[in-house]
Amino acid sequence: MSRVVAVVGGGISGLAAARVLAGARLASPELRTGSGRQDGRPDIEIVLLESDDRLGGKILSGEFRGRSVDFGPDNFLTRNQSVTELCDQLGIGDDLVAPATSSASVVARGRLHPLPAGLILGLPPDLVALARSRIVSGRGLARAALDLLALGAPISASSLGLSPEQAANGHTGEGAAGARDPGGPEWSAASILETRLGRELVERLVDPLLGGINAGGLDQLSLVVVAPQVARALVGHRSVTRALRLLARSTPKPSTSVSAKPRPFFLGMRGGLGRMVDALVADLRDRGVQLKTGTAVTALRHARDRYELETANGTIVADGVVLAAPGYVAARLLVDEAPAAAAELGSIPHSSVSLVTLAWPSDAISGLPQGSGFLVPRCEGRIVTGCSFLSSKWPDSASAGEVVVRASTGRYGDERPSSMSDEELVDAVLVELRELIGASVPPLASLVRRWPRAFPQYLPGHLRKIERARAALSELPALKLAGPSLGGIGVPACLTTGERAAVEVRDRLSQ
């Protein structure tokens, strides 16, 4: 008799989980145990439940001015090769493309300054390049240089939220459950970095990048979640700069062989990342997965090793469940069956963002710099948190003679965009873009896309919170969590959590 697995949530995590359960090969390298292995079970019936009327979560492509653009993420990091592998399996790998430009700028004292070369997630191992950028003042540069004297105490694993075992083996993701609790309080990323590098450098350079990626601020983010490689590299060092230099030297360099093509750090897709969702959905249908959109799960009950999932269209009975919904949704569904896990997941705060896409004639922008866009530090007090020059980054996203940009607004603690109408938000963005890139005439078109409660905030202690939630769920057989609430908002990280949850549910059902 076939088993039934319900996947709750139709973002990239849920779609990836459903695909593995339906018999597909794993795409995440860290989960694969053999070439060509089929990791699903043919006797599993999968039903995927999504409350929205579309699948893909925050991955969304659409038309703007007759061209395809992304209204969510438009690229992904290739360090985790899961997305490139997935696209190859789906037959769309040849359509992956690198951005036409990858350099960027940051706003400092009302002007755009190119980011210095060699940054490691916003952290500068080269203070000479930092000085040339003029992003920080002479005083700020001098304060950062004091770090080279290595005067402080060594950075401990516990202050980073790492146990000694995690620091030694490099395993810091959500799969690290079961490692010994580090015991001491975890410091925020800003507390750790400002102690060594000074406040100005962190505010002006590191926070716009690391904080901007996560729609938050480093004073309330866990370094081991938002930059795990950096966090591990700092353990035992007195100087952040020296530790970064060692990390840079130990990182494999792209091959210089004529026959070897260097792998870009970022990749997008011709026509937008939404094409990956379309291909995934088509693949799932071919595999017999039931895809139910507009179907919110209102309650979850566990009885006699099975689960009942209530929806407006009836009750679904399942032998296993992958909860790939946001933490606050998972908390609501688990409040009766696993109240301790629900409390942990429900305590994860989220920030909302709104994206404003705009187009102008090319000759109407007088100050558009080279590169893919710019970042805005929180200390500037602006409503724009960053801006992508889509027509420079992805030339096919704009018609000839037009410039298309996408401004990001909203972050943790700044709810101004949420209180504005679309028209008010566009006007506020235009005021700032007029100053920063010389957009002095009205745009040809504008489009606002809002993403409420889209970014989980990884506060210090987040990994321990997830470990406690997973431990509290251990008494519920064949129910696993997936999604960005576990730690890591990028597409590859979300995909990997979905595949891991699918493997865990499948293995439990096989027992």
Protein backbone atom coordinates (compact mmCIF):
# COMPACT_ATOMS: atom_id res chain seq x y z
CA MET A 1 0.00 0.00 0.00
CA SER A 2 1.37 3.42 -0.91
CA ARG A 3 2.24 6.01 1.70
CA VAL A 4 1.13 9.64 1.50
CA VAL A 5 3.42 12.59 2.24
CA ALA A 6 2.05 16.12 2.47
CA VAL A 7 4.38 19.00 1.66
CA VAL A 8 3.11 22.26 3.15
CA GLY A 9 4.48 25.25 1.24
CA GLY A 10 5.13 25.70 -2.47
CA GLY A 11 8.29 27.79 -2.40
CA ILE A 12 11.62 26.43 -3.63
CA SER A 13 12.05 24.35 -0.43
CA GLY A 14 8.68 22.63 -0.79
CA LEU A 15 9.05 22.08 -4.52
CA ALA A 16 12.50 20.54 -4.02
CA ALA A 17 11.22 18.30 -1.24
CA ALA A 18 8.31 17.06 -3.34
CA ARG A 19 10.61 16.30 -6.27
CA VAL A 20 12.97 14.16 -4.20
CA LEU A 21 10.07 12.31 -2.59
CA ALA A 22 8.73 11.63 -6.10
CA GLY A 23 11.91 9.82 -7.12
CA ALA A 24 14.22 12.54 -8.45
CA ARG A 25 17.97 12.60 -7.93
CA LEU A 26 19.22 14.86 -5.18
CA ALA A 27 20.61 18.15 -6.43
CA SER A 28 22.44 19.15 -3.22
CA PRO A 29 26.04 17.87 -3.36
CA GLU A 30 26.28 17.54 0.42
CA LEU A 31 23.32 15.14 0.44
CA ARG A 32 24.25 12.95 -2.52
CA THR A 33 25.80 9.60 -1.69
CA GLY A 34 26.16 8.15 -5.14
CA SER A 35 26.08 9.22 -8.76
CA GLY A 36 22.68 8.76 -10.34
CA ARG A 37 21.03 7.54 -7.16
CA GLN A 38 17.24 7.72 -7.10
CA ASP A 39 16.35 9.15 -3.72
CA GLY A 40 12.58 8.94 -3.73
CA ARG A 41 10.27 5.95 -3.36
CA PRO A 42 7.88 4.88 -6.12
CA ASP A 43 5.26 3.86 -3.54
CA ILE A 44 4.95 7.37 -2.05
CA GLU A 45 2.05 9.58 -3.06
CA ILE A 46 2.90 13.27 -2.69
CA VAL A 47 0.48 16.15 -2.30
CA LEU A 48 1.82 19.70 -2.15
CA LEU A 49 -0.34 22.36 -0.48
CA GLU A 50 0.24 26.07 -1.12
CA SER A 51 -1.96 28.83 0.31
CA ASP A 52 -1.12 31.28 -2.49
CA ASP A 53 -2.58 31.01 -5.98
CA ARG A 54 0.87 30.45 -7.47
CA LEU A 55 3.95 28.32 -6.76
CA GLY A 56 7.52 29.47 -6.35
CA GLY A 57 7.36 31.56 -3.20
CA LYS A 58 9.59 34.60 -3.50
CA ILE A 59 10.89 33.52 -6.91
CA LEU A 60 8.74 35.46 -9.33
CA SER A 61 9.42 36.64 -12.88
CA GLY A 62 7.09 38.85 -14.87
CA GLU A 63 6.88 41.36 -17.70
CA PHE A 64 7.88 45.00 -17.37
CA ARG A 65 7.96 47.29 -20.40
CA GLY A 66 7.68 44.22 -22.64
CA ARG A 67 10.73 42.49 -21.11
CA SER A 68 11.06 39.71 -18.56
CA VAL A 69 12.35 40.81 -15.16
CA ASP A 70 12.54 39.26 -11.70
CA PHE A 71 10.40 40.71 -8.93
CA GLY A 72 12.16 38.60 -6.31
CA PRO A 73 15.71 37.22 -6.30
CA ASP A 74 17.39 37.52 -9.71
CA ASN A 75 20.50 35.43 -9.06
CA PHE A 76 22.02 32.92 -6.67
CA LEU A 77 25.44 32.09 -5.24
CA THR A 78 27.19 29.19 -6.92
CA ARG A 79 29.28 28.16 -3.89
CA ASN A 80 26.47 25.70 -3.11
CA GLN A 81 26.05 23.93 -6.44
CA SER A 82 22.55 22.60 -5.76
CA VAL A 83 20.73 25.07 -8.02
CA THR A 84 23.05 24.59 -10.98
CA GLU A 85 22.71 20.82 -10.57
CA LEU A 86 18.93 21.10 -10.38
CA CYS A 87 18.79 23.20 -13.53
CA ASP A 88 20.95 20.65 -15.32
CA GLN A 89 18.57 17.88 -14.24
CA LEU A 90 15.60 19.93 -15.46
CA GLY A 91 17.26 20.53 -18.83
CA ILE A 92 17.62 24.30 -18.45
CA GLY A 93 21.22 24.45 -17.25
CA ASP A 94 22.40 25.96 -20.53
CA ASP A 95 20.17 28.98 -19.89
CA LEU A 96 22.01 29.96 -16.72
CA VAL A 97 23.94 33.19 -17.27
CA ALA A 98 26.32 35.31 -15.24
CA PRO A 99 25.52 38.98 -14.65
CA ALA A 100 27.01 41.26 -17.30
CA THR A 101 28.62 43.23 -14.47
CA SER A 102 29.21 42.40 -10.83
CA SER A 103 30.89 45.51 -9.41
CA ALA A 104 28.81 47.68 -7.08
CA SER A 105 28.90 50.87 -5.07
CA VAL A 106 27.87 52.00 -1.60
CA VAL A 107 26.44 55.31 -0.48
CA ALA A 108 28.74 57.26 1.83
CA ARG A 109 27.94 60.79 2.93
CA GLY A 110 25.45 61.28 0.12
CA ARG A 111 27.63 59.99 -2.74
CA LEU A 112 28.23 56.67 -4.45
CA HIS A 113 31.65 55.08 -3.92
CA PRO A 114 32.78 51.85 -5.67
CA LEU A 115 33.22 48.95 -3.29
CA PRO A 116 36.89 48.06 -2.75
CA ALA A 117 38.18 44.92 -4.45
CA GLY A 118 38.66 41.68 -2.53
CA LEU A 119 35.82 42.02 -0.04
CA ILE A 120 34.75 38.87 1.79
CA LEU A 121 31.03 39.36 2.47
CA GLY A 122 31.65 43.06 2.99
CA LEU A 123 34.74 42.57 5.15
CA PRO A 124 37.98 44.09 3.80
CA PRO A 125 41.18 42.04 4.10
CA ASP A 126 42.97 44.81 2.12
CA LEU A 127 43.02 48.08 4.05
CA VAL A 128 44.88 49.85 1.22
CA ALA A 129 41.99 49.16 -1.16
CA LEU A 130 39.63 50.32 1.57
CA ALA A 131 41.51 53.61 1.90
CA ARG A 132 41.34 54.22 -1.84
CA SER A 133 37.57 53.72 -1.85
CA ARG A 134 37.05 56.67 0.56
CA ILE A 135 34.02 54.93 2.00
CA VAL A 136 35.23 55.47 5.56
CA SER A 137 36.93 58.55 6.96
CA GLY A 138 40.61 58.72 7.85
CA ARG A 139 39.68 58.27 11.47
CA GLY A 140 37.58 55.22 10.64
CA LEU A 141 40.44 53.76 8.60
CA ALA A 142 42.90 54.31 11.44
CA ARG A 143 40.54 52.60 13.86
CA ALA A 144 40.22 49.60 11.51
CA ALA A 145 44.02 49.41 11.18
CA LEU A 146 44.35 48.95 14.95
CA ASP A 147 42.90 45.49 14.40
CA LEU A 148 46.22 44.42 12.90
CA LEU A 149 47.87 44.88 16.30
CA ALA A 150 45.74 41.98 17.60
CA LEU A 151 45.43 43.53 21.04
CA GLY A 152 42.19 41.88 22.18
CA ALA A 153 41.44 38.43 23.47
CA PRO A 154 41.02 35.64 20.91
CA ILE A 155 37.52 35.36 19.48
CA SER A 156 35.86 32.38 21.14
CA ALA A 157 33.64 29.82 19.47
CA SER A 158 30.90 30.42 22.04
CA SER A 159 30.72 34.16 21.30
CA LEU A 160 29.98 33.21 17.68
CA GLY A 161 27.33 30.70 18.67
CA LEU A 162 29.52 27.71 17.79
CA SER A 163 30.26 24.65 19.85
CA PRO A 164 33.88 23.45 19.72
CA GLU A 165 32.72 20.54 17.53
CA GLN A 166 31.00 22.88 15.06
CA ALA A 167 34.00 25.19 14.93
CA ALA A 168 36.30 22.25 14.23
CA ASN A 169 34.30 20.45 11.56
CA GLY A 170 32.74 23.46 9.88
CA HIS A 171 29.16 22.16 10.18
CA THR A 172 27.06 25.15 11.22
CA GLY A 173 23.85 24.81 9.23
CA GLU A 174 20.47 23.57 10.40
CA GLY A 175 21.69 20.01 10.00
CA ALA A 176 24.03 20.58 12.95
CA ALA A 177 21.31 19.63 15.43
CA GLY A 178 22.67 17.49 18.22
CA ALA A 179 26.03 19.26 18.55
CA ARG A 180 26.84 20.24 22.14
CA ASP A 181 25.43 23.62 23.13
CA PRO A 182 28.28 26.16 23.31
CA GLY A 183 27.03 27.31 26.70
CA GLY A 184 28.00 30.98 26.58
CA PRO A 185 25.95 33.83 25.15
CA GLU A 186 26.27 34.47 21.43
CA TRP A 187 27.24 38.00 20.42
CA SER A 188 25.66 39.83 17.53
CA ALA A 189 27.67 40.17 14.34
CA ALA A 190 28.10 43.90 14.96
CA SER A 191 29.37 43.37 18.52
CA ILE A 192 32.04 40.95 17.32
CA LEU A 193 33.19 43.01 14.35
CA GLU A 194 32.98 46.51 15.85
CA THR A 195 35.19 45.46 18.76
CA ARG A 196 37.97 44.72 16.27
CA LEU A 197 37.31 46.99 13.28
CA GLY A 198 35.48 49.95 14.75
CA ARG A 199 31.92 51.11 14.35
CA GLU A 200 32.34 53.26 11.24
CA LEU A 201 33.71 50.50 9.04
CA VAL A 202 31.01 48.08 10.12
CA GLU A 203 28.22 50.64 9.64
CA ARG A 204 29.46 51.97 6.31
CA LEU A 205 30.67 48.81 4.58
CA VAL A 206 29.82 45.51 6.27
CA ASP A 207 26.27 46.22 7.41
CA PRO A 208 25.01 47.43 3.99
CA LEU A 209 26.07 44.13 2.44
CA LEU A 210 25.45 41.48 5.09
CA GLY A 211 22.58 43.35 6.70
CA GLY A 212 21.11 44.31 3.33
CA ILE A 213 21.10 40.72 2.05
CA ASN A 214 19.07 39.72 5.10
CA ALA A 215 16.89 42.86 5.28
CA GLY A 216 18.16 43.50 8.79
CA GLY A 217 21.03 44.98 10.75
CA LEU A 218 24.23 43.41 12.04
CA ASP A 219 23.45 44.57 15.56
CA GLN A 220 20.64 41.99 15.56
CA LEU A 221 22.02 39.23 13.34
CA SER A 222 24.01 36.09 14.08
CA LEU A 223 27.31 36.05 12.21
CA VAL A 224 27.42 32.25 12.11
CA VAL A 225 24.09 32.19 10.25
CA VAL A 226 24.62 35.06 7.80
CA ALA A 227 28.34 34.39 7.16
CA PRO A 228 29.21 30.89 8.44
CA GLN A 229 32.52 30.64 6.57
CA VAL A 230 33.71 33.93 8.06
CA ALA A 231 32.53 33.00 11.54
CA ARG A 232 34.47 29.75 11.53
CA ALA A 233 37.55 31.54 10.22
CA LEU A 234 37.52 33.98 13.15
CA VAL A 235 37.60 31.38 15.92
CA GLY A 236 40.79 31.68 17.97
CA HIS A 237 42.02 34.85 16.21
CA ARG A 238 42.64 38.22 17.80
CA SER A 239 42.59 40.10 14.48
CA VAL A 240 39.66 39.94 12.06
CA THR A 241 41.78 41.33 9.23
CA ARG A 242 44.51 38.72 9.66
CA ALA A 243 41.91 35.94 9.84
CA LEU A 244 40.32 37.21 6.62
CA ARG A 245 43.67 37.20 4.85
CA LEU A 246 44.24 33.59 5.88
CA LEU A 247 40.74 32.73 4.66
CA ALA A 248 41.37 34.44 1.32
CA ARG A 249 44.61 32.50 0.83
CA SER A 250 42.95 29.18 1.69
CA THR A 251 39.99 29.69 -0.63
CA PRO A 252 40.52 27.80 -3.92
CA LYS A 253 41.12 30.15 -6.83
CA PRO A 254 39.45 29.70 -10.22
CA SER A 255 41.48 27.56 -12.59
CA THR A 256 43.81 29.42 -14.94
CA SER A 257 43.80 26.53 -17.39
CA VAL A 258 42.82 27.48 -20.91
CA SER A 259 40.38 24.56 -21.03
CA ALA A 260 38.81 25.32 -17.65
CA LYS A 261 36.04 27.87 -17.53
CA PRO A 262 35.97 29.75 -14.20
CA ARG A 263 32.68 29.39 -12.33
CA PRO A 264 30.97 32.76 -11.76
CA PHE A 265 30.13 33.63 -8.16
CA PHE A 266 26.55 34.45 -9.19
CA LEU A 267 24.22 33.10 -11.84
CA GLY A 268 20.79 34.10 -13.09
CA MET A 269 18.62 32.74 -15.89
CA ARG A 270 17.62 33.99 -19.30
CA GLY A 271 14.03 35.08 -18.97
CA GLY A 272 14.21 35.20 -15.16
CA LEU A 273 14.48 32.68 -12.32
CA GLY A 274 10.75 32.07 -12.64
CA ARG A 275 11.60 29.74 -15.51
CA MET A 276 13.21 27.40 -12.97
CA VAL A 277 9.92 27.28 -11.05
CA ASP A 278 8.02 26.57 -14.28
CA ALA A 279 10.38 23.71 -15.09
CA LEU A 280 10.11 22.33 -11.56
CA VAL A 281 6.32 22.43 -11.65
CA ALA A 282 6.23 20.67 -15.02
CA ASP A 283 8.61 18.02 -13.69
CA LEU A 284 6.49 17.46 -10.58
CA ARG A 285 3.35 17.04 -12.66
CA ASP A 286 5.14 14.49 -14.85
CA ARG A 287 6.06 12.60 -11.67
CA GLY A 288 2.44 12.50 -10.50
CA VAL A 289 2.73 14.99 -7.64
CA GLN A 290 -0.61 16.59 -6.72
CA LEU A 291 -0.14 20.37 -6.71
CA LYS A 292 -2.88 22.22 -4.84
CA THR A 293 -2.61 26.02 -4.92
CA GLY A 294 -5.00 28.29 -3.06
CA THR A 295 -5.13 25.61 -0.37
CA ALA A 296 -4.14 26.83 3.07
CA VAL A 297 -3.63 24.28 5.82
CA THR A 298 -5.65 25.50 8.81
CA ALA A 299 -4.88 22.74 11.32
CA LEU A 300 -2.59 19.75 11.76
CA ARG A 301 -3.31 16.77 14.01
CA HIS A 302 -1.27 13.66 14.78
CA ALA A 303 -2.99 10.39 15.67
CA ARG A 304 -1.83 6.77 15.41
CA ASP A 305 1.29 7.59 13.38
CA ARG A 306 -0.66 9.54 10.78
CA TYR A 307 -1.38 13.21 10.25
CA GLU A 308 -4.62 14.99 9.44
CA LEU A 309 -4.23 18.29 7.64
CA GLU A 310 -7.35 20.42 7.56
CA THR A 311 -7.98 22.66 4.54
CA ALA A 312 -11.01 24.56 3.29
CA ASN A 313 -11.45 21.80 0.69
CA GLY A 314 -11.36 18.93 3.14
CA THR A 315 -9.00 16.84 5.24
CA ILE A 316 -5.84 15.23 3.89
CA VAL A 317 -4.52 12.19 5.75
CA ALA A 318 -0.76 11.66 5.42
CA ASP A 319 1.90 9.33 6.78
CA GLY A 320 4.56 12.04 6.66
CA VAL A 321 4.77 15.81 6.46
CA VAL A 322 7.37 18.29 5.23
CA LEU A 323 6.63 21.70 6.74
CA ALA A 324 8.21 24.08 4.22
CA ALA A 325 6.10 27.06 5.28
CA PRO A 326 7.37 30.21 7.05
CA GLY A 327 8.19 29.81 10.73
CA TYR A 328 5.12 31.69 11.89
CA VAL A 329 2.87 29.42 9.77
CA ALA A 330 4.60 26.27 11.03
CA ALA A 331 4.22 27.56 14.60
CA ARG A 332 0.47 28.00 14.16
CA LEU A 333 0.09 24.45 12.82
CA LEU A 334 2.23 22.90 15.57
CA VAL A 335 0.84 24.75 18.57
CA ASP A 336 -1.27 21.80 19.75
CA GLU A 337 0.92 18.84 18.78
CA ALA A 338 4.34 20.35 19.57
CA PRO A 339 3.91 23.52 21.65
CA ALA A 340 7.61 23.80 22.51
CA ALA A 341 8.61 23.71 18.84
CA ALA A 342 5.82 26.14 18.01
CA ALA A 343 7.10 28.58 20.62
CA GLU A 344 10.61 28.50 19.15
CA LEU A 345 9.47 28.89 15.54
CA GLY A 346 6.88 31.52 16.40
CA SER A 347 9.49 33.68 18.11
CA ILE A 348 11.48 34.19 14.89
CA PRO A 349 10.84 37.80 13.78
CA HIS A 350 10.42 38.69 10.12
CA SER A 351 10.93 41.83 8.07
CA SER A 352 8.93 43.03 5.09
CA VAL A 353 10.40 44.45 1.89
CA SER A 354 8.96 46.26 -1.11
CA LEU A 355 10.65 46.41 -4.52
CA VAL A 356 10.10 49.32 -6.89
CA THR A 357 10.99 48.70 -10.55
CA LEU A 358 11.37 51.80 -12.73
CA ALA A 359 12.26 52.61 -16.34
CA TRP A 360 13.63 55.78 -17.99
CA PRO A 361 14.98 56.73 -21.39
CA SER A 362 18.75 56.19 -21.29
CA ASP A 363 19.50 59.88 -21.74
CA ALA A 364 17.34 60.81 -18.74
CA ILE A 365 19.82 59.36 -16.19
CA SER A 366 22.81 61.62 -15.76
CA GLY A 367 24.68 59.85 -12.97
CA LEU A 368 24.27 56.10 -13.46
CA PRO A 369 27.64 54.61 -12.49
CA GLN A 370 29.27 51.49 -13.84
CA GLY A 371 28.33 48.25 -12.16
CA SER A 372 25.28 46.33 -11.06
CA GLY A 373 23.92 48.77 -8.48
CA PHE A 374 24.53 50.23 -5.05
CA LEU A 375 23.93 49.56 -1.35
CA VAL A 376 22.74 52.02 1.27
CA PRO A 377 23.93 51.91 4.92
CA ARG A 378 21.26 52.22 7.59
CA CYS A 379 23.07 55.20 9.05
CA GLU A 380 22.20 57.19 5.92
CA GLY A 381 18.56 57.12 7.06
CA ARG A 382 17.19 56.63 3.54
CA ILE A 383 14.14 54.63 2.57
CA VAL A 384 16.05 52.93 -0.28
CA THR A 385 18.19 50.08 1.06
CA GLY A 386 19.77 49.17 -2.27
CA CYS A 387 19.32 49.51 -5.99
CA SER A 388 19.99 47.10 -8.87
CA PHE A 389 20.70 48.45 -12.33
CA LEU A 390 18.80 45.68 -14.08
CA SER A 391 19.54 46.91 -17.60
CA SER A 392 23.28 46.87 -16.81
CA LYS A 393 23.22 43.60 -14.90
CA TRP A 394 20.88 41.76 -17.28
CA PRO A 395 20.92 43.59 -20.66
CA ASP A 396 17.91 41.61 -21.96
CA SER A 397 15.72 43.09 -19.20
CA ALA A 398 15.44 46.47 -20.99
CA SER A 399 14.56 47.60 -24.48
CA ALA A 400 17.13 49.52 -26.50
CA GLY A 401 17.40 53.09 -25.34
CA GLU A 402 15.96 52.42 -21.88
CA VAL A 403 17.37 52.08 -18.37
CA VAL A 404 15.60 49.79 -15.88
CA VAL A 405 16.43 49.86 -12.18
CA ARG A 406 14.95 48.11 -9.15
CA ALA A 407 15.06 49.82 -5.77
CA SER A 408 14.71 47.82 -2.56
CA THR A 409 12.99 49.29 0.48
CA GLY A 410 12.19 48.04 3.96
CA ARG A 411 14.24 46.19 6.52
CA TYR A 412 13.93 45.01 10.11
CA GLY A 413 12.94 47.95 12.26
CA ASP A 414 12.00 50.19 9.32
CA GLU A 415 8.34 49.80 8.46
CA ARG A 416 7.98 53.06 6.52
CA PRO A 417 7.36 51.35 3.15
CA SER A 418 4.57 49.22 4.64
CA SER A 419 2.71 52.34 5.77
CA MET A 420 2.83 53.98 2.32
CA SER A 421 0.61 53.51 -0.69
CA ASP A 422 2.28 52.40 -3.91
CA GLU A 423 2.19 55.97 -5.23
CA GLU A 424 3.73 57.38 -2.04
CA LEU A 425 6.45 54.74 -2.06
CA VAL A 426 7.36 55.42 -5.70
CA ASP A 427 7.54 59.17 -4.98
CA ALA A 428 9.80 58.62 -1.95
CA VAL A 429 12.11 56.39 -3.97
CA LEU A 430 12.29 58.90 -6.82
CA VAL A 431 13.36 61.68 -4.46
CA GLU A 432 16.39 59.63 -3.40
CA LEU A 433 17.24 58.34 -6.89
CA ARG A 434 17.17 61.90 -8.20
CA GLU A 435 19.99 62.73 -5.78
CA LEU A 436 22.00 59.51 -6.15
CA ILE A 437 21.85 58.71 -9.89
CA GLY A 438 20.47 61.90 -11.42
CA ALA A 439 17.02 60.52 -12.30
CA SER A 440 15.50 63.99 -12.65
CA VAL A 441 12.56 63.28 -14.98
CA PRO A 442 9.46 61.18 -14.32
CA PRO A 443 9.92 57.48 -15.16
CA LEU A 444 8.32 55.88 -18.18
CA ALA A 445 6.77 53.25 -15.91
CA SER A 446 6.89 51.99 -12.34
CA LEU A 447 5.82 48.79 -10.61
CA VAL A 448 5.71 47.98 -6.88
CA ARG A 449 5.98 44.43 -5.60
CA ARG A 450 5.53 43.91 -1.87
CA TRP A 451 6.83 40.93 0.10
CA PRO A 452 5.30 41.04 3.61
CA ARG A 453 7.11 39.10 6.34
CA ALA A 454 9.48 37.76 3.72
CA PHE A 455 12.82 37.71 5.56
CA PRO A 456 13.29 35.72 8.79
CA GLN A 457 15.67 37.52 11.11
CA TYR A 458 18.52 35.37 12.40
CA LEU A 459 19.04 36.85 15.86
CA PRO A 460 21.95 35.71 18.02
CA GLY A 461 21.13 32.22 19.27
CA HIS A 462 19.13 31.33 16.15
CA LEU A 463 20.86 28.01 15.52
CA ARG A 464 20.26 26.92 19.09
CA LYS A 465 16.62 27.94 18.70
CA ILE A 466 16.31 25.69 15.64
CA GLU A 467 18.04 22.83 17.44
CA ARG A 468 15.52 23.10 20.26
CA ALA A 469 12.63 23.16 17.80
CA ARG A 470 13.92 20.09 15.98
CA ALA A 471 14.43 18.28 19.29
CA ALA A 472 10.88 19.10 20.33
CA LEU A 473 9.63 17.62 17.04
CA SER A 474 11.53 14.36 17.49
CA GLU A 475 8.46 12.71 19.02
CA LEU A 476 6.43 13.38 15.87
CA PRO A 477 7.43 10.65 13.39
CA ALA A 478 8.07 11.58 9.77
CA LEU A 479 7.48 15.33 10.25
CA LYS A 480 10.37 17.57 9.24
CA LEU A 481 11.00 21.29 8.76
CA ALA A 482 12.36 23.06 5.70
CA GLY A 483 12.75 26.61 4.45
CA PRO A 484 14.63 29.81 5.24
CA SER A 485 13.53 29.92 8.88
CA LEU A 486 16.12 27.22 9.56
CA GLY A 487 18.93 29.58 8.55
CA GLY A 488 19.99 30.87 5.13
CA ILE A 489 17.72 32.83 2.79
CA GLY A 490 19.45 32.15 -0.52
CA VAL A 491 17.88 29.90 -3.15
CA PRO A 492 20.56 27.15 -2.79
CA ALA A 493 20.19 27.06 1.01
CA CYS A 494 16.40 26.82 0.78
CA LEU A 495 16.60 24.10 -1.86
CA THR A 496 18.98 22.07 0.32
CA THR A 497 16.71 22.28 3.38
CA GLY A 498 13.84 20.94 1.29
CA GLU A 499 15.83 18.02 -0.04
CA ARG A 500 17.20 17.20 3.42
CA ALA A 501 13.69 17.16 4.91
CA ALA A 502 12.50 14.90 2.10
CA VAL A 503 15.33 12.42 2.73
CA GLU A 504 14.60 12.40 6.47
CA VAL A 505 10.87 11.77 5.95
CA ARG A 506 11.55 9.09 3.35
CA ASP A 507 14.05 7.34 5.61
CA ARG A 508 11.60 7.37 8.51
CA LEU A 509 8.84 5.86 6.36
CA SER A 510 11.26 3.15 5.25
CA GLN A 511 11.84 1.93 8.80
